[in-house]
Amino acid sequence: TGIGSIVTNVEGKGDINSFIIAGDEQDPSGNNSGLILCATEQSKLQAFYCPILGKAPRWCSFLDGITEELEEDTTSTKEQQGEDTKRVYD
């Protein structure tokens, strides 16, 4: 992805007033983080994780593990579908 390209669309439950890319002690500015925190018209902050922007901060690193598991599931599903297709058409 290039500078200024659109990588995601974030839709909150309420109007978004402000947002920040969350960091941690190793990256306090959040320059390499994929966790977006949004202040909305709701009483609680809303959090969105976009792995294409960067890794999750260390304090919520479990998000990276979940993302990897989802990618593996998607890959195995595509492989299974391909195998099924070969059986049908061969």
C-alpha atoms as a PDB file:
ATOM      1  CA  THR A   1       0.000   0.000   0.000  1.00  0.00           C
ATOM      2  CA  GLY A   2       1.223   3.461  -0.845  1.00  0.00           C
ATOM      3  CA  ILE A   3       1.186   6.651   1.181  1.00  0.00           C
ATOM      4  CA  GLY A   4      -2.304   8.109   1.293  1.00  0.00           C
ATOM      5  CA  SER A   5      -4.021   4.950   0.041  1.00  0.00           C
ATOM      6  CA  ILE A   6      -7.254   3.781   1.652  1.00  0.00           C
ATOM      7  CA  VAL A   7      -6.738   0.518   3.549  1.00  0.00           C
ATOM      8  CA  THR A   8      -9.908   0.262   5.635  1.00  0.00           C
ATOM      9  CA  ASN A   9     -13.250   1.803   6.444  1.00  0.00           C
ATOM     10  CA  VAL A  10     -14.146   2.266  10.118  1.00  0.00           C
ATOM     11  CA  GLU A  11     -17.809   2.563  11.035  1.00  0.00           C
ATOM     12  CA  GLY A  12     -18.554   3.153  14.695  1.00  0.00           C
ATOM     13  CA  LYS A  13     -21.820   2.698  16.541  1.00  0.00           C
ATOM     14  CA  GLY A  14     -22.039   6.456  16.907  1.00  0.00           C
ATOM     15  CA  ASP A  15     -20.545   9.526  15.292  1.00  0.00           C
ATOM     16  CA  ILE A  16     -16.741   9.471  15.607  1.00  0.00           C
ATOM     17  CA  ASN A  17     -15.460  12.625  17.307  1.00  0.00           C
ATOM     18  CA  SER A  18     -11.772  11.763  17.441  1.00  0.00           C
ATOM     19  CA  PHE A  19      -9.410   8.839  16.937  1.00  0.00           C
ATOM     20  CA  ILE A  20      -5.849   7.881  17.791  1.00  0.00           C
ATOM     21  CA  ILE A  21      -3.521   5.072  16.777  1.00  0.00           C
ATOM     22  CA  ALA A  22      -2.639   3.302  20.031  1.00  0.00           C
ATOM     23  CA  GLY A  23       0.980   2.687  20.935  1.00  0.00           C
ATOM     24  CA  ASP A  24       2.916   1.106  23.784  1.00  0.00           C
ATOM     25  CA  GLU A  25       6.171   1.773  25.631  1.00  0.00           C
ATOM     26  CA  GLN A  26       8.220   0.555  22.645  1.00  0.00           C
ATOM     27  CA  ASP A  27       6.228   2.711  20.183  1.00  0.00           C
ATOM     28  CA  PRO A  28       4.560   5.491  22.232  1.00  0.00           C
ATOM     29  CA  SER A  29       3.465   7.460  19.167  1.00  0.00           C
ATOM     30  CA  GLY A  30       1.730   4.439  17.598  1.00  0.00           C
ATOM     31  CA  ASN A  31       3.606   4.830  14.299  1.00  0.00           C
ATOM     32  CA  ASN A  32       3.832   1.046  13.844  1.00  0.00           C
ATOM     33  CA  SER A  33       0.525   0.057  15.419  1.00  0.00           C
ATOM     34  CA  GLY A  34      -2.651  -1.272  13.846  1.00  0.00           C
ATOM     35  CA  LEU A  35      -4.937  -0.537  16.806  1.00  0.00           C
ATOM     36  CA  ILE A  36      -7.292   2.402  16.321  1.00  0.00           C
ATOM     37  CA  LEU A  37      -9.129   3.853  19.340  1.00  0.00           C
ATOM     38  CA  CYS A  38     -12.151   6.035  18.572  1.00  0.00           C
ATOM     39  CA  ALA A  39     -14.015   8.481  20.813  1.00  0.00           C
ATOM     40  CA  THR A  40     -17.624   8.470  19.672  1.00  0.00           C
ATOM     41  CA  GLU A  41     -20.974   9.729  20.893  1.00  0.00           C
ATOM     42  CA  GLN A  42     -21.193   6.457  22.882  1.00  0.00           C
ATOM     43  CA  SER A  43     -20.147   6.232  26.532  1.00  0.00           C
ATOM     44  CA  LYS A  44     -17.240   3.826  25.811  1.00  0.00           C
ATOM     45  CA  LEU A  45     -14.276   4.030  23.451  1.00  0.00           C
ATOM     46  CA  GLN A  46     -14.459   1.834  20.392  1.00  0.00           C
ATOM     47  CA  ALA A  47     -11.402  -0.108  19.263  1.00  0.00           C
ATOM     48  CA  PHE A  48     -10.642  -1.394  15.788  1.00  0.00           C
ATOM     49  CA  TYR A  49      -7.669  -3.522  14.725  1.00  0.00           C
ATOM     50  CA  CYS A  50      -6.287  -3.201  11.210  1.00  0.00           C
ATOM     51  CA  PRO A  51      -3.228  -5.489  10.827  1.00  0.00           C
ATOM     52  CA  ILE A  52      -2.223  -3.922   7.512  1.00  0.00           C
ATOM     53  CA  LEU A  53      -1.336  -0.745   9.462  1.00  0.00           C
ATOM     54  CA  GLY A  54       0.953  -2.607  11.865  1.00  0.00           C
ATOM     55  CA  LYS A  55       1.138  -5.024  14.772  1.00  0.00           C
ATOM     56  CA  ALA A  56      -0.967  -4.733  17.881  1.00  0.00           C
ATOM     57  CA  PRO A  57       0.634  -2.958  20.858  1.00  0.00           C
ATOM     58  CA  ARG A  58       2.298  -5.289  23.345  1.00  0.00           C
ATOM     59  CA  TRP A  59      -0.483  -4.839  25.915  1.00  0.00           C
ATOM     60  CA  CYS A  60      -2.991  -6.404  23.472  1.00  0.00           C
ATOM     61  CA  SER A  61      -0.690  -8.666  21.458  1.00  0.00           C
ATOM     62  CA  PHE A  62      -3.314 -11.440  21.550  1.00  0.00           C
ATOM     63  CA  LEU A  63      -4.891  -9.661  18.549  1.00  0.00           C
ATOM     64  CA  ASP A  64      -1.948 -10.711  16.364  1.00  0.00           C
ATOM     65  CA  GLY A  65      -2.510 -14.355  17.351  1.00  0.00           C
ATOM     66  CA  ILE A  66      -6.210 -14.156  16.551  1.00  0.00           C
ATOM     67  CA  THR A  67      -5.432 -12.578  13.177  1.00  0.00           C
ATOM     68  CA  GLU A  68      -2.941 -15.337  12.324  1.00  0.00           C
ATOM     69  CA  GLU A  69      -5.512 -18.008  13.246  1.00  0.00           C
ATOM     70  CA  LEU A  70      -8.116 -16.360  11.031  1.00  0.00           C
ATOM     71  CA  GLU A  71      -5.664 -16.211   8.123  1.00  0.00           C
ATOM     72  CA  GLU A  72      -4.878 -19.924   8.556  1.00  0.00           C
ATOM     73  CA  ASP A  73      -8.598 -20.773   8.592  1.00  0.00           C
ATOM     74  CA  THR A  74      -9.167 -18.779   5.407  1.00  0.00           C
ATOM     75  CA  THR A  75      -6.219 -20.442   3.660  1.00  0.00           C
ATOM     76  CA  SER A  76      -7.296 -23.961   4.637  1.00  0.00           C
ATOM     77  CA  THR A  77     -10.880 -23.238   3.553  1.00  0.00           C
ATOM     78  CA  LYS A  78      -9.674 -22.039   0.134  1.00  0.00           C
ATOM     79  CA  GLU A  79      -7.497 -25.145  -0.234  1.00  0.00           C
ATOM     80  CA  GLN A  80     -10.430 -27.400   0.674  1.00  0.00           C
ATOM     81  CA  GLN A  81     -12.668 -25.648  -1.818  1.00  0.00           C
ATOM     82  CA  GLY A  82     -10.018 -26.116  -4.498  1.00  0.00           C
ATOM     83  CA  GLU A  83      -9.761 -29.815  -3.709  1.00  0.00           C
ATOM     84  CA  ASP A  84     -13.545 -30.186  -3.865  1.00  0.00           C
ATOM     85  CA  THR A  85     -13.603 -28.397  -7.209  1.00  0.00           C
ATOM     86  CA  LYS A  86     -10.934 -30.725  -8.627  1.00  0.00           C
ATOM     87  CA  ARG A  87     -12.941 -33.759  -7.614  1.00  0.00           C
ATOM     88  CA  VAL A  88     -16.065 -32.470  -9.293  1.00  0.00           C
ATOM     89  CA  TYR A  89     -14.432 -31.499 -12.586  1.00  0.00           C
ATOM     90  CA  ASP A  90     -11.746 -34.203 -12.957  1.00  0.00           C
END
